[in-house]
C-alpha atoms as a PDB file:
ATOM      1  CA  MET A   1     -16.541   2.820   4.552  1.00  0.00           C
ATOM      2  CA  HIS A   2     -14.669   0.987   2.049  1.00  0.00           C
ATOM      3  CA  SER A   3     -11.455   1.143   4.281  1.00  0.00           C
ATOM      4  CA  ARG A   4     -13.262   0.458   7.502  1.00  0.00           C
ATOM      5  CA  VAL A   5     -14.347  -2.904   5.513  1.00  0.00           C
ATOM      6  CA  SER A   6     -10.832  -3.472   4.474  1.00  0.00           C
ATOM      7  CA  ASN A   7      -9.321  -2.965   7.954  1.00  0.00           C
ATOM      8  CA  ASN A   8     -11.621  -5.730   9.519  1.00  0.00           C
ATOM      9  CA  ARG A   9     -10.645  -7.743   7.028  1.00  0.00           C
ATOM     10  CA  LEU A  10      -6.859  -7.486   7.651  1.00  0.00           C
ATOM     11  CA  SER A  11      -7.713  -7.900  11.484  1.00  0.00           C
ATOM     12  CA  ASN A  12     -10.092 -11.049  10.684  1.00  0.00           C
ATOM     13  CA  SER A  13      -7.000 -12.221   8.434  1.00  0.00           C
ATOM     14  CA  GLY A  14      -4.608 -11.615  11.514  1.00  0.00           C
ATOM     15  CA  PHE A  15      -6.582 -13.463  13.944  1.00  0.00           C
ATOM     16  CA  ALA A  16      -6.748 -16.212  11.754  1.00  0.00           C
ATOM     17  CA  SER A  17      -3.336 -16.344  10.994  1.00  0.00           C
ATOM     18  CA  ARG A  18      -2.486 -16.488  14.565  1.00  0.00           C
ATOM     19  CA  VAL A  19      -5.249 -19.252  15.810  1.00  0.00           C
ATOM     20  CA  ALA A  20      -3.035 -21.065  12.796  1.00  0.00           C
ATOM     21  CA  GLY A  21       0.024 -20.451  14.437  1.00  0.00           C
ATOM     22  CA  LEU A  22      -0.928 -21.352  17.569  1.00  0.00           C
ATOM     23  CA  MET A  23      -2.685 -24.568  16.344  1.00  0.00           C
ATOM     24  CA  LEU A  24       0.540 -25.267  14.636  1.00  0.00           C
ATOM     25  CA  ALA A  25       3.039 -24.794  17.846  1.00  0.00           C
ATOM     26  CA  MET A  26       0.367 -26.932  20.030  1.00  0.00           C
ATOM     27  CA  PHE A  27       0.651 -29.726  17.227  1.00  0.00           C
ATOM     28  CA  ALA A  28       4.394 -29.599  17.127  1.00  0.00           C
ATOM     29  CA  SER A  29       4.790 -29.229  20.800  1.00  0.00           C
ATOM     30  CA  MET A  30       2.529 -32.671  21.310  1.00  0.00           C
ATOM     31  CA  ALA A  31       4.874 -34.011  18.360  1.00  0.00           C
ATOM     32  CA  THR A  32       7.831 -33.218  20.457  1.00  0.00           C
ATOM     33  CA  ILE A  33       6.610 -34.606  23.346  1.00  0.00           C
ATOM     34  CA  TYR A  34       5.811 -37.912  21.941  1.00  0.00           C
ATOM     35  CA  VAL A  35       8.801 -38.587  20.024  1.00  0.00           C
ATOM     36  CA  ALA A  36      10.798 -36.969  23.285  1.00  0.00           C
ATOM     37  CA  SER A  37       8.854 -39.564  24.763  1.00  0.00           C
ATOM     38  CA  ARG A  38       9.172 -42.164  21.958  1.00  0.00           C
ATOM     39  CA  LEU A  39      13.274 -41.794  21.977  1.00  0.00           C
ATOM     40  CA  TRP A  40      13.290 -41.839  25.834  1.00  0.00           C
ATOM     41  CA  GLN A  41      11.535 -45.540  25.969  1.00  0.00           C
ATOM     42  CA  GLU A  42      14.007 -47.061  22.698  1.00  0.00           C
ATOM     43  CA  ALA A  43      16.950 -45.519  25.109  1.00  0.00           C
ATOM     44  CA  ASP A  44      15.883 -47.115  27.779  1.00  0.00           C
ATOM     45  CA  GLY A  45      15.619 -50.572  26.105  1.00  0.00           C
ATOM     46  CA  ARG A  46      18.318 -50.314  23.934  1.00  0.00           C
ATOM     47  CA  ALA A  47      20.315 -49.342  27.227  1.00  0.00           C
ATOM     48  CA  PHE A  48      18.754 -52.510  28.530  1.00  0.00           C
ATOM     49  CA  LEU A  49      19.543 -54.810  24.990  1.00  0.00           C
ATOM     50  CA  VAL A  50      23.264 -53.430  25.867  1.00  0.00           C
ATOM     51  CA  LYS A  51      23.648 -54.220  29.647  1.00  0.00           C
ATOM     52  CA  GLU A  52      22.033 -58.151  28.387  1.00  0.00           C
ATOM     53  CA  LEU A  53      24.087 -58.476  25.292  1.00  0.00           C
ATOM     54  CA  ASP A  54      27.157 -57.118  27.946  1.00  0.00           C
ATOM     55  CA  LYS A  55      26.508 -59.747  30.336  1.00  0.00           C
ATOM     56  CA  LYS A  56      26.186 -62.443  27.498  1.00  0.00           C
ATOM     57  CA  ILE A  57      29.771 -61.409  25.470  1.00  0.00           C
ATOM     58  CA  GLY A  58      31.508 -59.783  28.011  1.00  0.00           C
ATOM     59  CA  GLN A  59      31.923 -56.216  25.941  1.00  0.00           C
ATOM     60  CA  LYS A  60      31.814 -53.113  27.687  1.00  0.00           C
ATOM     61  CA  GLN A  61      29.791 -50.247  26.137  1.00  0.00           C
ATOM     62  CA  SER A  62      29.280 -52.259  23.259  1.00  0.00           C
ATOM     63  CA  ALA A  63      27.061 -51.110  20.375  1.00  0.00           C
ATOM     64  CA  VAL A  64      24.128 -53.579  19.566  1.00  0.00           C
ATOM     65  CA  SER A  65      23.039 -54.410  15.758  1.00  0.00           C
ATOM     66  CA  VAL A  66      19.688 -55.084  14.807  1.00  0.00           C
ATOM     67  CA  ASP A  67      20.379 -58.782  14.221  1.00  0.00           C
ATOM     68  CA  ASP A  68      21.963 -58.722  17.934  1.00  0.00           C
ATOM     69  CA  THR A  69      18.707 -57.272  19.206  1.00  0.00           C
ATOM     70  CA  LEU A  70      16.699 -59.504  17.329  1.00  0.00           C
ATOM     71  CA  LYS A  71      18.814 -62.726  19.205  1.00  0.00           C
ATOM     72  CA  ILE A  72      18.383 -61.291  22.582  1.00  0.00           C
ATOM     73  CA  ILE A  73      14.926 -60.958  21.933  1.00  0.00           C
ATOM     74  CA  SER A  74      14.623 -64.484  20.703  1.00  0.00           C
ATOM     75  CA  CYS A  75      16.556 -65.773  23.497  1.00  0.00           C
ATOM     76  CA  ARG A  76      14.160 -64.239  26.368  1.00  0.00           C
ATOM     77  CA  GLU A  77      11.178 -65.950  24.324  1.00  0.00           C
ATOM     78  CA  GLN A  78      12.479 -68.920  24.029  1.00  0.00           C
ATOM     79  CA  ARG A  79      13.665 -68.694  28.256  1.00  0.00           C
ATOM     80  CA  LYS A  80      10.076 -68.129  28.815  1.00  0.00           C
ATOM     81  CA  LYS A  81       8.624 -70.967  26.691  1.00  0.00           C
ATOM     82  CA  LEU A  82      11.635 -73.152  28.203  1.00  0.00           C
ATOM     83  CA  SER A  83      10.542 -72.069  32.029  1.00  0.00           C
ATOM     84  CA  ALA A  84       6.979 -72.745  31.316  1.00  0.00           C
ATOM     85  CA  ILE A  85       7.203 -76.240  29.982  1.00  0.00           C
ATOM     86  CA  GLU A  86       9.744 -77.196  32.582  1.00  0.00           C
ATOM     87  CA  MET A  87       6.700 -76.062  34.795  1.00  0.00           C
ATOM     88  CA  ALA A  88       4.637 -78.282  33.116  1.00  0.00           C
ATOM     89  CA  LEU A  89       6.975 -81.268  32.844  1.00  0.00           C
ATOM     90  CA  ASP A  90       7.237 -80.623  36.897  1.00  0.00           C
ATOM     91  CA  ALA A  91       3.567 -81.099  37.611  1.00  0.00           C
ATOM     92  CA  ALA A  92       3.357 -83.719  34.723  1.00  0.00           C
ATOM     93  CA  ARG A  93       5.966 -85.812  36.699  1.00  0.00           C
ATOM     94  CA  LYS A  94       4.404 -85.151  40.313  1.00  0.00           C
ATOM     95  CA  GLU A  95       0.921 -86.438  38.850  1.00  0.00           C
ATOM     96  CA  GLY A  96       3.131 -89.876  37.106  1.00  0.00           C
ATOM     97  CA  PHE A  97       2.357 -88.679  33.967  1.00  0.00           C
ATOM     98  CA  VAL A  98       6.349 -89.184  33.100  1.00  0.00           C
ATOM     99  CA  SER A  99       8.699 -91.707  34.322  1.00  0.00           C
ATOM    100  CA  LYS A 100      12.244 -91.178  35.063  1.00  0.00           C
ATOM    101  CA  HIS A 101      13.206 -92.899  31.880  1.00  0.00           C
ATOM    102  CA  LEU A 102      11.325 -89.941  30.054  1.00  0.00           C
ATOM    103  CA  SER A 103      14.653 -89.197  27.485  1.00  0.00           C
ATOM    104  CA  ASN A 104      15.380 -93.078  26.690  1.00  0.00           C
ATOM    105  CA  LEU A 105      19.053 -92.546  26.480  1.00  0.00           C
ATOM    106  CA  SER A 106      22.128 -94.535  26.726  1.00  0.00           C
ATOM    107  CA  ASN A 107      24.427 -93.542  30.128  1.00  0.00           C
ATOM    108  CA  ASP A 108      26.701 -91.148  27.753  1.00  0.00           C
ATOM    109  CA  GLY A 109      22.873 -88.838  26.867  1.00  0.00           C
ATOM    110  CA  THR A 110      23.638 -89.700  23.732  1.00  0.00           C
ATOM    111  CA  HIS A 111      22.188 -92.499  22.447  1.00  0.00           C
ATOM    112  CA  PRO A 112      18.775 -93.985  22.179  1.00  0.00           C
ATOM    113  CA  LYS A 113      18.987 -96.751  24.748  1.00  0.00           C
ATOM    114  CA  LYS A 114      17.235-100.186  23.610  1.00  0.00           C
ATOM    115  CA  ARG A 115      13.792-100.708  25.124  1.00  0.00           C
ATOM    116  CA  LEU A 116      13.515-104.059  27.397  1.00  0.00           C
ATOM    117  CA  LEU A 117      11.019-106.947  25.875  1.00  0.00           C
ATOM    118  CA  ALA A 118       9.505-106.740  29.291  1.00  0.00           C
ATOM    119  CA  VAL A 119       9.662-107.036  33.121  1.00  0.00           C
ATOM    120  CA  ILE A 120       8.947-109.381  35.050  1.00  0.00           C
ATOM    121  CA  GLY A 121       7.740-109.177  38.613  1.00  0.00           C
ATOM    122  CA  ILE A 122       7.213-112.570  40.663  1.00  0.00           C
ATOM    123  CA  ILE A 123       4.614-111.775  43.252  1.00  0.00           C
ATOM    124  CA  THR A 124       5.950-113.096  46.949  1.00  0.00           C
ATOM    125  CA  THR A 125       5.328-112.544  50.278  1.00  0.00           C
ATOM    126  CA  PHE A 126       7.053-113.001  53.681  1.00  0.00           C
ATOM    127  CA  GLY A 127       7.675-116.933  54.845  1.00  0.00           C
ATOM    128  CA  ARG A 128       8.310-118.184  51.262  1.00  0.00           C
ATOM    129  CA  LYS A 129      11.984-117.818  50.634  1.00  0.00           C
ATOM    130  CA  LYS A 130      11.763-122.040  49.986  1.00  0.00           C
ATOM    131  CA  ASN A 131       9.143-121.062  46.835  1.00  0.00           C
ATOM    132  CA  ARG A 132      12.098-118.221  45.774  1.00  0.00           C
ATOM    133  CA  ASP A 133      15.111-120.554  45.619  1.00  0.00           C
ATOM    134  CA  ALA A 134      13.300-123.129  44.090  1.00  0.00           C
ATOM    135  CA  ILE A 135      12.254-120.525  41.429  1.00  0.00           C
ATOM    136  CA  ARG A 136      16.086-119.467  41.320  1.00  0.00           C
ATOM    137  CA  LYS A 137      17.033-123.013  40.539  1.00  0.00           C
ATOM    138  CA  ALA A 138      14.718-123.737  38.137  1.00  0.00           C
ATOM    139  CA  TRP A 139      14.255-121.280  35.819  1.00  0.00           C
ATOM    140  CA  MET A 140      15.256-117.393  37.137  1.00  0.00           C
ATOM    141  CA  PRO A 141      19.404-116.744  36.690  1.00  0.00           C
ATOM    142  CA  THR A 142      20.731-115.475  39.885  1.00  0.00           C
ATOM    143  CA  GLY A 143      24.367-113.361  39.976  1.00  0.00           C
ATOM    144  CA  ALA A 144      25.492-111.853  37.004  1.00  0.00           C
ATOM    145  CA  ASP A 145      23.659-114.170  34.547  1.00  0.00           C
ATOM    146  CA  LEU A 146      20.721-111.832  35.911  1.00  0.00           C
ATOM    147  CA  LYS A 147      21.804-108.659  34.254  1.00  0.00           C
ATOM    148  CA  LYS A 148      23.364-110.291  31.208  1.00  0.00           C
ATOM    149  CA  LEU A 149      19.517-111.860  30.944  1.00  0.00           C
ATOM    150  CA  GLU A 150      18.957-108.541  31.217  1.00  0.00           C
ATOM    151  CA  ASP A 151      21.327-107.378  28.100  1.00  0.00           C
ATOM    152  CA  GLU A 152      21.129-109.926  25.685  1.00  0.00           C
ATOM    153  CA  LYS A 153      17.292-110.430  25.916  1.00  0.00           C
ATOM    154  CA  GLY A 154      15.703-107.672  27.316  1.00  0.00           C
ATOM    155  CA  ILE A 155      14.159-109.343  30.270  1.00  0.00           C
ATOM    156  CA  VAL A 156      14.221-107.912  33.780  1.00  0.00           C
ATOM    157  CA  VAL A 157      12.928-110.509  36.602  1.00  0.00           C
ATOM    158  CA  ARG A 158      12.690-109.002  40.245  1.00  0.00           C
ATOM    159  CA  PHE A 159      11.088-110.452  43.204  1.00  0.00           C
ATOM    160  CA  VAL A 160       8.013-108.527  44.522  1.00  0.00           C
ATOM    161  CA  ILE A 161       7.218-107.772  48.056  1.00  0.00           C
ATOM    162  CA  GLY A 162       6.045-105.018  50.343  1.00  0.00           C
ATOM    163  CA  ARG A 163       6.700-103.956  53.633  1.00  0.00           C
ATOM    164  CA  SER A 164       5.967-105.526  57.366  1.00  0.00           C
ATOM    165  CA  ALA A 165       2.487-103.328  58.760  1.00  0.00           C
ATOM    166  CA  ASN A 166       5.287-103.183  61.495  1.00  0.00           C
ATOM    167  CA  HIS A 167       7.919-101.489  60.017  1.00  0.00           C
ATOM    168  CA  GLY A 168      11.667-102.480  60.067  1.00  0.00           C
ATOM    169  CA  ASP A 169      11.129-105.600  61.889  1.00  0.00           C
ATOM    170  CA  SER A 170      12.463-109.220  61.899  1.00  0.00           C
ATOM    171  CA  LEU A 171      10.130-109.872  58.785  1.00  0.00           C
ATOM    172  CA  ASP A 172      11.301-106.755  56.442  1.00  0.00           C
ATOM    173  CA  ARG A 173      15.423-107.423  57.987  1.00  0.00           C
ATOM    174  CA  GLU A 174      15.194-110.778  56.501  1.00  0.00           C
ATOM    175  CA  ILE A 175      14.322-109.569  53.111  1.00  0.00           C
ATOM    176  CA  ASP A 176      16.937-107.191  53.305  1.00  0.00           C
ATOM    177  CA  SER A 177      19.183-109.507  54.167  1.00  0.00           C
ATOM    178  CA  GLU A 178      18.357-112.261  50.895  1.00  0.00           C
ATOM    179  CA  ASN A 179      18.290-109.043  48.769  1.00  0.00           C
ATOM    180  CA  ARG A 180      21.546-108.079  49.704  1.00  0.00           C
ATOM    181  CA  GLN A 181      22.834-111.922  49.077  1.00  0.00           C
ATOM    182  CA  THR A 182      20.380-112.216  45.700  1.00  0.00           C
ATOM    183  CA  ASN A 183      19.707-108.212  44.215  1.00  0.00           C
ATOM    184  CA  ASP A 184      16.583-109.406  43.102  1.00  0.00           C
ATOM    185  CA  PHE A 185      13.995-108.402  44.600  1.00  0.00           C
ATOM    186  CA  ILE A 186      11.675-105.198  44.396  1.00  0.00           C
ATOM    187  CA  VAL A 187      10.689-103.718  47.831  1.00  0.00           C
ATOM    188  CA  LEU A 188       7.877-101.292  47.311  1.00  0.00           C
ATOM    189  CA  ASP A 189       8.572 -99.542  51.073  1.00  0.00           C
ATOM    190  CA  ASP A 190       5.094 -97.399  50.714  1.00  0.00           C
ATOM    191  CA  GLN A 191       3.029-100.915  50.624  1.00  0.00           C
ATOM    192  CA  VAL A 192       2.070-102.848  53.414  1.00  0.00           C
ATOM    193  CA  GLU A 193       2.428-106.781  53.202  1.00  0.00           C
ATOM    194  CA  SER A 194      -0.908-108.354  53.472  1.00  0.00           C
ATOM    195  CA  PRO A 195      -3.402-110.732  51.494  1.00  0.00           C
ATOM    196  CA  LYS A 196      -5.913-107.788  51.979  1.00  0.00           C
ATOM    197  CA  GLU A 197      -3.388-105.466  50.347  1.00  0.00           C
ATOM    198  CA  ARG A 198      -2.457-107.635  47.356  1.00  0.00           C
ATOM    199  CA  ALA A 199      -4.519-105.910  45.077  1.00  0.00           C
ATOM    200  CA  ARG A 200      -3.071-102.692  45.566  1.00  0.00           C
ATOM    201  CA  LYS A 201       0.620-104.156  45.507  1.00  0.00           C
ATOM    202  CA  ILE A 202       0.206-105.310  42.110  1.00  0.00           C
ATOM    203  CA  LYS A 203      -0.991-101.786  41.383  1.00  0.00           C
ATOM    204  CA  SER A 204       2.055-100.641  42.859  1.00  0.00           C
ATOM    205  CA  PHE A 205       4.324-103.257  40.927  1.00  0.00           C
ATOM    206  CA  PHE A 206       3.512-101.789  37.612  1.00  0.00           C
ATOM    207  CA  VAL A 207       4.015 -98.047  38.889  1.00  0.00           C
ATOM    208  CA  HIS A 208       7.522 -99.183  40.045  1.00  0.00           C
ATOM    209  CA  ALA A 209       8.541-101.027  37.033  1.00  0.00           C
ATOM    210  CA  VAL A 210       7.330 -98.135  34.855  1.00  0.00           C
ATOM    211  CA  GLU A 211       8.833 -95.587  36.501  1.00  0.00           C
ATOM    212  CA  ASN A 212      12.259 -97.476  36.206  1.00  0.00           C
ATOM    213  CA  TRP A 213      12.324 -99.637  33.142  1.00  0.00           C
ATOM    214  CA  ASP A 214      11.037 -99.059  30.198  1.00  0.00           C
ATOM    215  CA  ALA A 215       9.815-102.031  28.335  1.00  0.00           C
ATOM    216  CA  GLU A 216       7.503-103.108  25.603  1.00  0.00           C
ATOM    217  CA  PHE A 217       5.485-105.445  28.261  1.00  0.00           C
ATOM    218  CA  TYR A 218       5.227-105.826  32.246  1.00  0.00           C
ATOM    219  CA  ALA A 219       4.436-109.355  33.502  1.00  0.00           C
ATOM    220  CA  LYS A 220       2.826-110.538  36.784  1.00  0.00           C
ATOM    221  CA  ILE A 221       3.419-113.805  37.937  1.00  0.00           C
ATOM    222  CA  ASN A 222       2.971-115.981  41.060  1.00  0.00           C
ATOM    223  CA  ASP A 223       5.865-117.222  43.112  1.00  0.00           C
ATOM    224  CA  ASP A 224       4.791-120.876  42.107  1.00  0.00           C
ATOM    225  CA  VAL A 225       4.800-120.446  38.792  1.00  0.00           C
ATOM    226  CA  TYR A 226       7.697-122.209  36.461  1.00  0.00           C
ATOM    227  CA  LEU A 227       8.166-120.995  33.204  1.00  0.00           C
ATOM    228  CA  ASN A 228      10.423-120.792  30.436  1.00  0.00           C
ATOM    229  CA  ILE A 229      11.711-117.486  29.637  1.00  0.00           C
ATOM    230  CA  ASP A 230      12.230-117.789  26.134  1.00  0.00           C
ATOM    231  CA  ASN A 231       9.297-119.375  25.746  1.00  0.00           C
ATOM    232  CA  LEU A 232       7.978-116.180  27.392  1.00  0.00           C
ATOM    233  CA  GLY A 233       9.710-113.923  25.338  1.00  0.00           C
ATOM    234  CA  ALA A 234       8.883-115.335  22.141  1.00  0.00           C
ATOM    235  CA  ILE A 235       4.889-115.499  23.175  1.00  0.00           C
ATOM    236  CA  LEU A 236       5.312-111.310  23.757  1.00  0.00           C
ATOM    237  CA  SER A 237       7.605-110.593  20.733  1.00  0.00           C
ATOM    238  CA  GLY A 238       4.372-111.996  18.542  1.00  0.00           C
ATOM    239  CA  HIS A 239       2.257-109.118  19.796  1.00  0.00           C
ATOM    240  CA  LEU A 240       4.518-105.887  19.369  1.00  0.00           C
ATOM    241  CA  ASP A 241       2.267-104.815  16.922  1.00  0.00           C
ATOM    242  CA  LYS A 242      -0.398-104.630  19.400  1.00  0.00           C
ATOM    243  CA  PRO A 243      -0.046-100.993  21.390  1.00  0.00           C
ATOM    244  CA  ARG A 244      -2.978-101.923  23.852  1.00  0.00           C
ATOM    245  CA  VAL A 245      -2.786-105.207  24.673  1.00  0.00           C
ATOM    246  CA  TYR A 246      -3.631-107.741  27.971  1.00  0.00           C
ATOM    247  CA  ILE A 247      -2.650-111.290  27.486  1.00  0.00           C
ATOM    248  CA  GLY A 248      -3.487-114.180  29.664  1.00  0.00           C
ATOM    249  CA  CYS A 249      -5.211-117.196  30.508  1.00  0.00           C
ATOM    250  CA  MET A 250      -8.793-115.671  29.923  1.00  0.00           C
ATOM    251  CA  LYS A 251     -11.590-116.546  32.486  1.00  0.00           C
ATOM    252  CA  SER A 252     -15.340-114.631  34.303  1.00  0.00           C
ATOM    253  CA  GLY A 253     -16.462-116.985  37.417  1.00  0.00           C
ATOM    254  CA  GLU A 254     -18.948-116.681  39.553  1.00  0.00           C
ATOM    255  CA  VAL A 255     -18.945-113.339  42.255  1.00  0.00           C
ATOM    256  CA  ILE A 256     -19.588-114.313  45.316  1.00  0.00           C
ATOM    257  CA  SER A 257     -22.302-112.592  47.427  1.00  0.00           C
ATOM    258  CA  GLU A 258     -22.342-114.580  51.125  1.00  0.00           C
ATOM    259  CA  PRO A 259     -19.809-112.654  53.147  1.00  0.00           C
ATOM    260  CA  THR A 260     -19.478-116.267  55.229  1.00  0.00           C
ATOM    261  CA  LEU A 261     -18.304-117.991  52.035  1.00  0.00           C
ATOM    262  CA  LYS A 262     -14.342-117.425  50.895  1.00  0.00           C
ATOM    263  CA  TRP A 263     -13.435-115.074  48.181  1.00  0.00           C
ATOM    264  CA  TYR A 264     -16.266-112.927  49.553  1.00  0.00           C
ATOM    265  CA  GLU A 265     -17.018-109.990  47.314  1.00  0.00           C
ATOM    266  CA  PRO A 266     -18.257-107.228  49.250  1.00  0.00           C
ATOM    267  CA  ASP A 267     -19.003-105.170  46.037  1.00  0.00           C
ATOM    268  CA  TRP A 268     -20.666-108.363  44.565  1.00  0.00           C
ATOM    269  CA  TRP A 269     -23.931-105.930  43.829  1.00  0.00           C
ATOM    270  CA  LYS A 270     -21.938-104.173  41.164  1.00  0.00           C
ATOM    271  CA  PHE A 271     -21.380-107.018  38.944  1.00  0.00           C
ATOM    272  CA  GLY A 272     -25.427-107.216  38.224  1.00  0.00           C
ATOM    273  CA  ASP A 273     -27.603-109.834  38.946  1.00  0.00           C
ATOM    274  CA  GLY A 274     -25.709-112.750  37.082  1.00  0.00           C
ATOM    275  CA  LYS A 275     -23.135-112.414  39.639  1.00  0.00           C
ATOM    276  CA  SER A 276     -20.502-112.983  37.050  1.00  0.00           C
ATOM    277  CA  TYR A 277     -17.195-111.451  36.693  1.00  0.00           C
ATOM    278  CA  PHE A 278     -16.153-109.593  33.395  1.00  0.00           C
ATOM    279  CA  ARG A 279     -13.132-110.979  31.562  1.00  0.00           C
ATOM    280  CA  HIS A 280      -9.809-110.747  33.147  1.00  0.00           C
ATOM    281  CA  ALA A 281      -6.442-113.055  32.910  1.00  0.00           C
ATOM    282  CA  SER A 282      -6.474-115.768  35.685  1.00  0.00           C
ATOM    283  CA  GLY A 283      -3.815-114.294  38.491  1.00  0.00           C
ATOM    284  CA  ASP A 284      -1.390-116.963  37.925  1.00  0.00           C
ATOM    285  CA  MET A 285       0.823-114.785  35.203  1.00  0.00           C
ATOM    286  CA  TYR A 286      -0.690-112.457  32.615  1.00  0.00           C
ATOM    287  CA  ALA A 287       0.963-109.509  30.592  1.00  0.00           C
ATOM    288  CA  ILE A 288       0.089-105.891  30.120  1.00  0.00           C
ATOM    289  CA  SER A 289       1.625-103.772  27.040  1.00  0.00           C
ATOM    290  CA  ARG A 290       3.901-100.719  27.875  1.00  0.00           C
ATOM    291  CA  ALA A 291       0.775 -98.147  27.253  1.00  0.00           C
ATOM    292  CA  LEU A 292      -1.999 -99.872  29.724  1.00  0.00           C
ATOM    293  CA  ALA A 293       1.237-100.262  32.398  1.00  0.00           C
ATOM    294  CA  GLN A 294       1.266 -96.155  31.816  1.00  0.00           C
ATOM    295  CA  PHE A 295      -2.599 -96.018  32.403  1.00  0.00           C
ATOM    296  CA  ILE A 296      -2.209 -97.336  35.678  1.00  0.00           C
ATOM    297  CA  SER A 297       0.677 -95.585  36.663  1.00  0.00           C
ATOM    298  CA  ILE A 298      -0.902 -92.222  35.551  1.00  0.00           C
ATOM    299  CA  ASN A 299      -4.392 -93.295  37.397  1.00  0.00           C
ATOM    300  CA  ARG A 300      -3.026 -94.915  40.096  1.00  0.00           C
ATOM    301  CA  SER A 301      -5.075 -92.907  42.611  1.00  0.00           C
ATOM    302  CA  ILE A 302      -8.745 -93.543  41.235  1.00  0.00           C
ATOM    303  CA  LEU A 303      -8.178 -97.148  40.253  1.00  0.00           C
ATOM    304  CA  ARG A 304     -10.149 -99.178  42.619  1.00  0.00           C
ATOM    305  CA  THR A 305      -9.560-102.623  43.894  1.00  0.00           C
ATOM    306  CA  PHE A 306     -11.604-105.717  44.668  1.00  0.00           C
ATOM    307  CA  VAL A 307     -11.221-108.461  46.938  1.00  0.00           C
ATOM    308  CA  HIS A 308      -9.295-110.692  44.100  1.00  0.00           C
ATOM    309  CA  ASP A 309      -6.448-109.240  42.634  1.00  0.00           C
ATOM    310  CA  ASP A 310      -6.834-110.391  38.934  1.00  0.00           C
ATOM    311  CA  VAL A 311     -10.554-109.046  38.764  1.00  0.00           C
ATOM    312  CA  SER A 312      -8.838-106.003  39.763  1.00  0.00           C
ATOM    313  CA  ALA A 313      -6.204-105.641  37.308  1.00  0.00           C
ATOM    314  CA  GLY A 314      -9.344-106.586  34.749  1.00  0.00           C
ATOM    315  CA  SER A 315     -11.301-103.772  36.208  1.00  0.00           C
ATOM    316  CA  TRP A 316      -8.632-101.204  35.253  1.00  0.00           C
ATOM    317  CA  PHE A 317      -9.068-101.672  31.253  1.00  0.00           C
ATOM    318  CA  ILE A 318     -12.672-102.237  31.055  1.00  0.00           C
ATOM    319  CA  GLY A 319     -14.124 -99.106  28.797  1.00  0.00           C
ATOM    320  CA  LEU A 320     -10.716 -98.663  27.287  1.00  0.00           C
ATOM    321  CA  ASP A 321      -9.734 -99.878  23.568  1.00  0.00           C
ATOM    322  CA  VAL A 322      -7.457-102.737  24.571  1.00  0.00           C
ATOM    323  CA  LYS A 323      -6.960-106.059  23.010  1.00  0.00           C
ATOM    324  CA  HIS A 324      -7.672-108.786  25.026  1.00  0.00           C
ATOM    325  CA  VAL A 325      -5.819-112.283  24.541  1.00  0.00           C
ATOM    326  CA  ASN A 326      -6.955-115.596  25.833  1.00  0.00           C
ATOM    327  CA  GLU A 327      -3.199-117.003  25.622  1.00  0.00           C
ATOM    328  CA  VAL A 328      -3.754-121.087  26.465  1.00  0.00           C
ATOM    329  CA  LYS A 329      -0.050-121.010  27.203  1.00  0.00           C
ATOM    330  CA  PHE A 330      -0.665-119.008  29.776  1.00  0.00           C
ATOM    331  CA  CYS A 331      -3.522-121.342  31.322  1.00  0.00           C
ATOM    332  CA  CYS A 332      -1.685-123.151  34.401  1.00  0.00           C
ATOM    333  CA  SER A 333      -2.598-126.275  36.223  1.00  0.00           C
ATOM    334  CA  SER A 334      -2.049-127.070  40.048  1.00  0.00           C
ATOM    335  CA  SER A 335       0.573-129.883  41.378  1.00  0.00           C
ATOM    336  CA  SER A 336       1.878-130.164  43.940  1.00  0.00           C
ATOM    337  CA  SER A 337       5.278-128.282  43.495  1.00  0.00           C
ATOM    338  CA  GLY A 338       2.998-125.407  42.140  1.00  0.00           C
ATOM    339  CA  ALA A 339       1.157-124.082  39.164  1.00  0.00           C
ATOM    340  CA  ILE A 340       2.633-125.707  35.803  1.00  0.00           C
ATOM    341  CA  CYS A 341       1.894-123.610  32.562  1.00  0.00           C
ATOM    342  CA  ALA A 342       2.159-124.686  29.211  1.00  0.00           C
ATOM    343  CA  VAL A 343       4.272-121.738  28.755  1.00  0.00           C
ATOM    344  CA  GLY A 344       7.061-123.609  30.206  1.00  0.00           C
END
């Protein structure tokens, strides 16, 4: 009996030993497969890294150190980030968030280019060459002096005009011919030149100016205004500390709701029961800071216009944190020769 029990114990012990051995073998096999798999993956990754490194340094079958591996991984991550940034920048540029002068560098690409003080757009139209010539004789430099004004005083002055509804007709050709002689126009090719389009034209001017010049201020004046550029520059310089400033001869005025009257406002009902326009700068001349001009450029597609171009400009800044400056020197009085402003 004792012998039989001993044999059973030996048999159970042998069975347990075989089970333990089998389990150990299974675990060993699984560990071997896992390690082999990891080594295979690492070998593939190492081969890829070697290939990438060889491409960059031109060395065949070179060993890849830990530092080199980290450099390659970092380079790949930076390239991904750069690609994402470039895509975002391109999308922003298409939406108008980025100007052509984003880098603000000089031609050699190394030294920051000094920001201009102001870009002045003189709003003109077809059949007003006498007015333009009078301005050129009175206060606007011509030829090399126009570039000198930009270089020495940081002020750009240009006449602003759109295109004829019959693109390429005699009206367009006359402007092109004049511009070849004077080189002092901003010709808005995508803007129709028409009294009804005047507000949109001024919006297009601000968009064009922001995209082509980096300035502290952007000013709009009519082509019958006579001014002193030095005085204007001094006034604008006094507001450099205001990031969002709207400078002009501020007024309000009655909203005309009768269709038969001049200056009828189709959207008169939007101005309330009092039928009075909100505060805005007179259309003879006004200036806005860089931030406001950029705002117009960014939101060009959703900024609406009214019958008056100056009311339209004023409406674009409602709801914004803007400093309205009532500059009495921008208030012009009518005369037989045009508008005369105290700034002159």
